Amino acid sequence: MADLKDFAEQLVNLTVKEVNELADILKEEYGIEPAAAAVAVAAGGGAEAGEAAEEQTEFDVILKAAGASKLAVVKLVKELTGLGLKDAKDIVDSAPKAVKEGVSKDEAEGIKKSLEEAGAEVELK
Protein backbone atom coordinates (compact mmCIF):
# COMPACT_ATOMS: atom_id res chain seq x y z
CA MET A 1 0.00 0.00 0.00
CA ALA A 2 2.85 2.41 0.80
CA ASP A 3 4.29 1.82 -2.68
CA LEU A 4 0.99 2.89 -4.26
CA LYS A 5 0.89 6.05 -2.17
CA ASP A 6 4.47 6.89 -3.22
CA PHE A 7 3.54 6.23 -6.85
CA ALA A 8 0.44 8.44 -6.57
CA GLU A 9 2.52 11.23 -5.05
CA GLN A 10 5.05 10.95 -7.88
CA LEU A 11 2.24 11.23 -10.45
CA VAL A 12 0.76 14.29 -8.80
CA ASN A 13 4.15 16.03 -8.69
CA LEU A 14 5.04 15.50 -12.38
CA THR A 15 5.96 18.55 -14.42
CA VAL A 16 4.23 19.33 -17.72
CA LYS A 17 7.23 18.01 -19.62
CA GLU A 18 7.23 14.77 -17.60
CA VAL A 19 3.48 14.28 -18.17
CA ASN A 20 4.02 14.65 -21.92
CA GLU A 21 6.91 12.17 -21.84
CA LEU A 22 4.79 9.72 -19.85
CA ALA A 23 1.97 10.04 -22.39
CA ASP A 24 4.43 9.30 -25.24
CA ILE A 25 5.80 6.24 -23.44
CA LEU A 26 2.32 4.90 -22.69
CA LYS A 27 1.27 5.37 -26.32
CA GLU A 28 4.42 4.01 -28.00
CA GLU A 29 5.33 1.14 -25.68
CA TYR A 30 1.96 0.06 -24.29
CA GLY A 31 -0.58 1.18 -26.90
CA ILE A 32 -2.47 3.37 -24.43
CA GLU A 33 -3.76 6.56 -26.04
CA PRO A 34 -2.79 9.80 -24.22
CA ALA A 35 -6.44 10.79 -23.71
CA ALA A 36 -7.06 7.52 -21.88
CA ALA A 37 -3.88 8.07 -19.87
CA ALA A 38 -5.00 11.57 -18.90
CA VAL A 39 -8.33 10.19 -17.71
CA ALA A 40 -6.53 7.51 -15.70
CA VAL A 41 -4.15 10.04 -14.16
CA ALA A 42 -6.98 12.47 -13.40
CA ALA A 43 -9.03 9.70 -11.82
CA GLY A 44 -6.10 8.56 -9.71
CA GLY A 45 -4.48 11.90 -9.02
CA GLY A 46 -7.46 14.19 -8.70
CA ALA A 47 -7.57 17.82 -9.76
CA GLU A 48 -3.90 18.45 -9.00
CA ALA A 49 -2.78 16.09 -11.78
CA GLY A 50 -4.99 17.89 -14.30
CA GLU A 51 -3.59 21.26 -13.26
CA ALA A 52 -0.03 19.98 -13.66
CA ALA A 53 -0.80 19.11 -17.28
CA GLU A 54 -1.81 22.70 -18.10
CA GLU A 55 1.00 25.10 -18.83
CA GLN A 56 0.60 28.61 -17.48
CA THR A 57 0.39 31.18 -20.28
CA GLU A 58 -0.29 34.41 -18.38
CA PHE A 59 1.85 35.76 -15.58
CA ASP A 60 1.64 38.56 -13.05
CA VAL A 61 4.82 40.47 -12.22
CA ILE A 62 4.77 41.26 -8.50
CA LEU A 63 7.11 43.85 -7.00
CA LYS A 64 7.95 42.49 -3.53
CA ALA A 65 10.37 45.24 -2.46
CA ALA A 66 12.05 48.24 -4.07
CA GLY A 67 15.47 47.52 -2.62
CA ALA A 68 18.21 50.10 -2.13
CA SER A 69 17.63 51.98 -5.42
CA LYS A 70 14.03 53.02 -4.88
CA LEU A 71 14.22 55.97 -7.27
CA ALA A 72 15.56 53.81 -10.10
CA VAL A 73 12.80 51.27 -9.49
CA VAL A 74 10.12 54.01 -9.50
CA LYS A 75 11.44 55.33 -12.82
CA LEU A 76 11.50 51.84 -14.30
CA VAL A 77 7.95 51.05 -13.09
CA LYS A 78 6.82 54.35 -14.65
CA GLU A 79 8.47 53.38 -17.93
CA LEU A 80 7.17 49.79 -17.94
CA THR A 81 3.57 50.63 -17.06
CA GLY A 82 3.11 53.96 -18.81
CA LEU A 83 1.82 55.45 -15.57
CA GLY A 84 2.63 58.85 -14.19
CA LEU A 85 5.41 59.37 -11.68
CA LYS A 86 3.03 59.58 -8.70
CA ASP A 87 1.20 56.36 -9.67
CA ALA A 88 4.50 54.53 -10.22
CA LYS A 89 5.75 55.74 -6.84
CA ASP A 90 2.49 54.54 -5.22
CA ILE A 91 3.03 51.05 -6.68
CA VAL A 92 6.60 50.92 -5.36
CA ASP A 93 5.60 52.29 -1.96
CA SER A 94 2.77 49.77 -1.56
CA ALA A 95 4.90 46.69 -2.37
CA PRO A 96 4.15 43.83 -2.59
CA LYS A 97 2.08 44.99 -5.54
CA ALA A 98 1.45 43.84 -9.11
CA VAL A 99 3.37 45.86 -11.67
CA LYS A 100 1.90 44.07 -14.71
CA GLU A 101 -0.80 41.42 -14.83
CA GLY A 102 -1.72 38.84 -17.46
CA VAL A 103 1.44 39.15 -19.56
CA SER A 104 3.25 36.47 -21.55
CA LYS A 105 6.06 34.46 -20.00
CA ASP A 106 8.73 36.18 -22.09
CA GLU A 107 7.44 39.66 -21.27
CA ALA A 108 7.12 38.79 -17.57
CA GLU A 109 10.68 37.46 -17.44
CA GLY A 110 11.97 40.57 -19.23
CA ILE A 111 10.20 42.87 -16.78
CA LYS A 112 11.46 40.81 -13.84
CA LYS A 113 15.04 40.96 -15.13
CA SER A 114 14.85 44.74 -15.65
CA LEU A 115 13.45 45.36 -12.18
CA GLU A 116 16.00 43.06 -10.53
CA GLU A 117 18.83 44.86 -12.35
CA ALA A 118 17.47 48.10 -10.87
CA GLY A 119 17.70 46.51 -7.40
CA ALA A 120 14.10 45.43 -6.84
CA GLU A 121 12.90 42.13 -5.45
CA VAL A 122 10.38 40.59 -7.90
CA GLU A 123 8.37 37.39 -8.27
CA LEU A 124 6.23 35.93 -11.06
CA LYS A 125 2.86 34.35 -10.37
C-alpha atoms as a PDB file:
ATOM      1  CA  MET A   1       0.000   0.000   0.000  1.00  0.00           C
ATOM      2  CA  ALA A   2       2.854   2.410   0.803  1.00  0.00           C
ATOM      3  CA  ASP A   3       4.290   1.825  -2.681  1.00  0.00           C
ATOM      4  CA  LEU A   4       0.988   2.890  -4.261  1.00  0.00           C
ATOM      5  CA  LYS A   5       0.894   6.054  -2.172  1.00  0.00           C
ATOM      6  CA  ASP A   6       4.468   6.887  -3.217  1.00  0.00           C
ATOM      7  CA  PHE A   7       3.535   6.231  -6.852  1.00  0.00           C
ATOM      8  CA  ALA A   8       0.436   8.438  -6.571  1.00  0.00           C
ATOM      9  CA  GLU A   9       2.525  11.232  -5.050  1.00  0.00           C
ATOM     10  CA  GLN A  10       5.054  10.949  -7.877  1.00  0.00           C
ATOM     11  CA  LEU A  11       2.238  11.226 -10.445  1.00  0.00           C
ATOM     12  CA  VAL A  12       0.756  14.287  -8.796  1.00  0.00           C
ATOM     13  CA  ASN A  13       4.148  16.031  -8.685  1.00  0.00           C
ATOM     14  CA  LEU A  14       5.039  15.497 -12.375  1.00  0.00           C
ATOM     15  CA  THR A  15       5.964  18.554 -14.419  1.00  0.00           C
ATOM     16  CA  VAL A  16       4.225  19.330 -17.717  1.00  0.00           C
ATOM     17  CA  LYS A  17       7.228  18.010 -19.619  1.00  0.00           C
ATOM     18  CA  GLU A  18       7.226  14.774 -17.604  1.00  0.00           C
ATOM     19  CA  VAL A  19       3.480  14.281 -18.169  1.00  0.00           C
ATOM     20  CA  ASN A  20       4.017  14.654 -21.918  1.00  0.00           C
ATOM     21  CA  GLU A  21       6.915  12.173 -21.844  1.00  0.00           C
ATOM     22  CA  LEU A  22       4.790   9.723 -19.851  1.00  0.00           C
ATOM     23  CA  ALA A  23       1.966  10.038 -22.394  1.00  0.00           C
ATOM     24  CA  ASP A  24       4.426   9.300 -25.239  1.00  0.00           C
ATOM     25  CA  ILE A  25       5.804   6.237 -23.435  1.00  0.00           C
ATOM     26  CA  LEU A  26       2.319   4.904 -22.694  1.00  0.00           C
ATOM     27  CA  LYS A  27       1.272   5.372 -26.323  1.00  0.00           C
ATOM     28  CA  GLU A  28       4.421   4.009 -28.004  1.00  0.00           C
ATOM     29  CA  GLU A  29       5.326   1.144 -25.684  1.00  0.00           C
ATOM     30  CA  TYR A  30       1.961   0.056 -24.286  1.00  0.00           C
ATOM     31  CA  GLY A  31      -0.575   1.178 -26.904  1.00  0.00           C
ATOM     32  CA  ILE A  32      -2.470   3.370 -24.430  1.00  0.00           C
ATOM     33  CA  GLU A  33      -3.760   6.561 -26.036  1.00  0.00           C
ATOM     34  CA  PRO A  34      -2.792   9.802 -24.220  1.00  0.00           C
ATOM     35  CA  ALA A  35      -6.445  10.789 -23.713  1.00  0.00           C
ATOM     36  CA  ALA A  36      -7.058   7.522 -21.877  1.00  0.00           C
ATOM     37  CA  ALA A  37      -3.879   8.069 -19.870  1.00  0.00           C
ATOM     38  CA  ALA A  38      -5.005  11.570 -18.901  1.00  0.00           C
ATOM     39  CA  VAL A  39      -8.335  10.192 -17.710  1.00  0.00           C
ATOM     40  CA  ALA A  40      -6.534   7.508 -15.701  1.00  0.00           C
ATOM     41  CA  VAL A  41      -4.153  10.043 -14.158  1.00  0.00           C
ATOM     42  CA  ALA A  42      -6.985  12.465 -13.402  1.00  0.00           C
ATOM     43  CA  ALA A  43      -9.035   9.697 -11.822  1.00  0.00           C
ATOM     44  CA  GLY A  44      -6.095   8.557  -9.708  1.00  0.00           C
ATOM     45  CA  GLY A  45      -4.480  11.900  -9.015  1.00  0.00           C
ATOM     46  CA  GLY A  46      -7.463  14.186  -8.700  1.00  0.00           C
ATOM     47  CA  ALA A  47      -7.575  17.822  -9.762  1.00  0.00           C
ATOM     48  CA  GLU A  48      -3.899  18.448  -9.005  1.00  0.00           C
ATOM     49  CA  ALA A  49      -2.781  16.088 -11.784  1.00  0.00           C
ATOM     50  CA  GLY A  50      -4.991  17.895 -14.304  1.00  0.00           C
ATOM     51  CA  GLU A  51      -3.590  21.259 -13.257  1.00  0.00           C
ATOM     52  CA  ALA A  52      -0.031  19.983 -13.658  1.00  0.00           C
ATOM     53  CA  ALA A  53      -0.797  19.111 -17.282  1.00  0.00           C
ATOM     54  CA  GLU A  54      -1.811  22.704 -18.097  1.00  0.00           C
ATOM     55  CA  GLU A  55       1.000  25.102 -18.831  1.00  0.00           C
ATOM     56  CA  GLN A  56       0.596  28.606 -17.476  1.00  0.00           C
ATOM     57  CA  THR A  57       0.393  31.182 -20.276  1.00  0.00           C
ATOM     58  CA  GLU A  58      -0.291  34.410 -18.383  1.00  0.00           C
ATOM     59  CA  PHE A  59       1.847  35.759 -15.576  1.00  0.00           C
ATOM     60  CA  ASP A  60       1.643  38.562 -13.050  1.00  0.00           C
ATOM     61  CA  VAL A  61       4.817  40.474 -12.218  1.00  0.00           C
ATOM     62  CA  ILE A  62       4.768  41.259  -8.496  1.00  0.00           C
ATOM     63  CA  LEU A  63       7.110  43.851  -6.999  1.00  0.00           C
ATOM     64  CA  LYS A  64       7.945  42.493  -3.535  1.00  0.00           C
ATOM     65  CA  ALA A  65      10.370  45.241  -2.457  1.00  0.00           C
ATOM     66  CA  ALA A  66      12.046  48.238  -4.070  1.00  0.00           C
ATOM     67  CA  GLY A  67      15.470  47.522  -2.622  1.00  0.00           C
ATOM     68  CA  ALA A  68      18.207  50.098  -2.133  1.00  0.00           C
ATOM     69  CA  SER A  69      17.629  51.977  -5.424  1.00  0.00           C
ATOM     70  CA  LYS A  70      14.032  53.021  -4.882  1.00  0.00           C
ATOM     71  CA  LEU A  71      14.223  55.975  -7.274  1.00  0.00           C
ATOM     72  CA  ALA A  72      15.560  53.812 -10.102  1.00  0.00           C
ATOM     73  CA  VAL A  73      12.804  51.270  -9.490  1.00  0.00           C
ATOM     74  CA  VAL A  74      10.122  54.006  -9.496  1.00  0.00           C
ATOM     75  CA  LYS A  75      11.435  55.330 -12.823  1.00  0.00           C
ATOM     76  CA  LEU A  76      11.496  51.837 -14.298  1.00  0.00           C
ATOM     77  CA  VAL A  77       7.949  51.049 -13.093  1.00  0.00           C
ATOM     78  CA  LYS A  78       6.821  54.350 -14.650  1.00  0.00           C
ATOM     79  CA  GLU A  79       8.468  53.385 -17.929  1.00  0.00           C
ATOM     80  CA  LEU A  80       7.166  49.790 -17.941  1.00  0.00           C
ATOM     81  CA  THR A  81       3.570  50.631 -17.056  1.00  0.00           C
ATOM     82  CA  GLY A  82       3.110  53.962 -18.812  1.00  0.00           C
ATOM     83  CA  LEU A  83       1.818  55.445 -15.566  1.00  0.00           C
ATOM     84  CA  GLY A  84       2.628  58.854 -14.188  1.00  0.00           C
ATOM     85  CA  LEU A  85       5.413  59.370 -11.679  1.00  0.00           C
ATOM     86  CA  LYS A  86       3.031  59.581  -8.699  1.00  0.00           C
ATOM     87  CA  ASP A  87       1.200  56.358  -9.668  1.00  0.00           C
ATOM     88  CA  ALA A  88       4.498  54.525 -10.224  1.00  0.00           C
ATOM     89  CA  LYS A  89       5.746  55.738  -6.836  1.00  0.00           C
ATOM     90  CA  ASP A  90       2.487  54.545  -5.217  1.00  0.00           C
ATOM     91  CA  ILE A  91       3.032  51.045  -6.675  1.00  0.00           C
ATOM     92  CA  VAL A  92       6.597  50.920  -5.362  1.00  0.00           C
ATOM     93  CA  ASP A  93       5.595  52.289  -1.955  1.00  0.00           C
ATOM     94  CA  SER A  94       2.766  49.765  -1.558  1.00  0.00           C
ATOM     95  CA  ALA A  95       4.903  46.688  -2.374  1.00  0.00           C
ATOM     96  CA  PRO A  96       4.154  43.829  -2.590  1.00  0.00           C
ATOM     97  CA  LYS A  97       2.083  44.991  -5.543  1.00  0.00           C
ATOM     98  CA  ALA A  98       1.446  43.838  -9.110  1.00  0.00           C
ATOM     99  CA  VAL A  99       3.373  45.863 -11.675  1.00  0.00           C
ATOM    100  CA  LYS A 100       1.904  44.070 -14.706  1.00  0.00           C
ATOM    101  CA  GLU A 101      -0.802  41.418 -14.835  1.00  0.00           C
ATOM    102  CA  GLY A 102      -1.717  38.841 -17.461  1.00  0.00           C
ATOM    103  CA  VAL A 103       1.441  39.150 -19.565  1.00  0.00           C
ATOM    104  CA  SER A 104       3.249  36.466 -21.554  1.00  0.00           C
ATOM    105  CA  LYS A 105       6.058  34.463 -20.001  1.00  0.00           C
ATOM    106  CA  ASP A 106       8.735  36.183 -22.093  1.00  0.00           C
ATOM    107  CA  GLU A 107       7.439  39.660 -21.269  1.00  0.00           C
ATOM    108  CA  ALA A 108       7.119  38.795 -17.571  1.00  0.00           C
ATOM    109  CA  GLU A 109      10.681  37.457 -17.438  1.00  0.00           C
ATOM    110  CA  GLY A 110      11.970  40.566 -19.234  1.00  0.00           C
ATOM    111  CA  ILE A 111      10.201  42.871 -16.780  1.00  0.00           C
ATOM    112  CA  LYS A 112      11.456  40.810 -13.844  1.00  0.00           C
ATOM    113  CA  LYS A 113      15.039  40.965 -15.131  1.00  0.00           C
ATOM    114  CA  SER A 114      14.846  44.741 -15.646  1.00  0.00           C
ATOM    115  CA  LEU A 115      13.448  45.359 -12.183  1.00  0.00           C
ATOM    116  CA  GLU A 116      15.999  43.065 -10.533  1.00  0.00           C
ATOM    117  CA  GLU A 117      18.825  44.857 -12.352  1.00  0.00           C
ATOM    118  CA  ALA A 118      17.468  48.100 -10.867  1.00  0.00           C
ATOM    119  CA  GLY A 119      17.696  46.514  -7.404  1.00  0.00           C
ATOM    120  CA  ALA A 120      14.100  45.433  -6.835  1.00  0.00           C
ATOM    121  CA  GLU A 121      12.897  42.129  -5.452  1.00  0.00           C
ATOM    122  CA  VAL A 122      10.380  40.591  -7.896  1.00  0.00           C
ATOM    123  CA  GLU A 123       8.366  37.386  -8.268  1.00  0.00           C
ATOM    124  CA  LEU A 124       6.233  35.932 -11.063  1.00  0.00           C
ATOM    125  CA  LYS A 125       2.864  34.349 -10.373  1.00  0.00           C
END
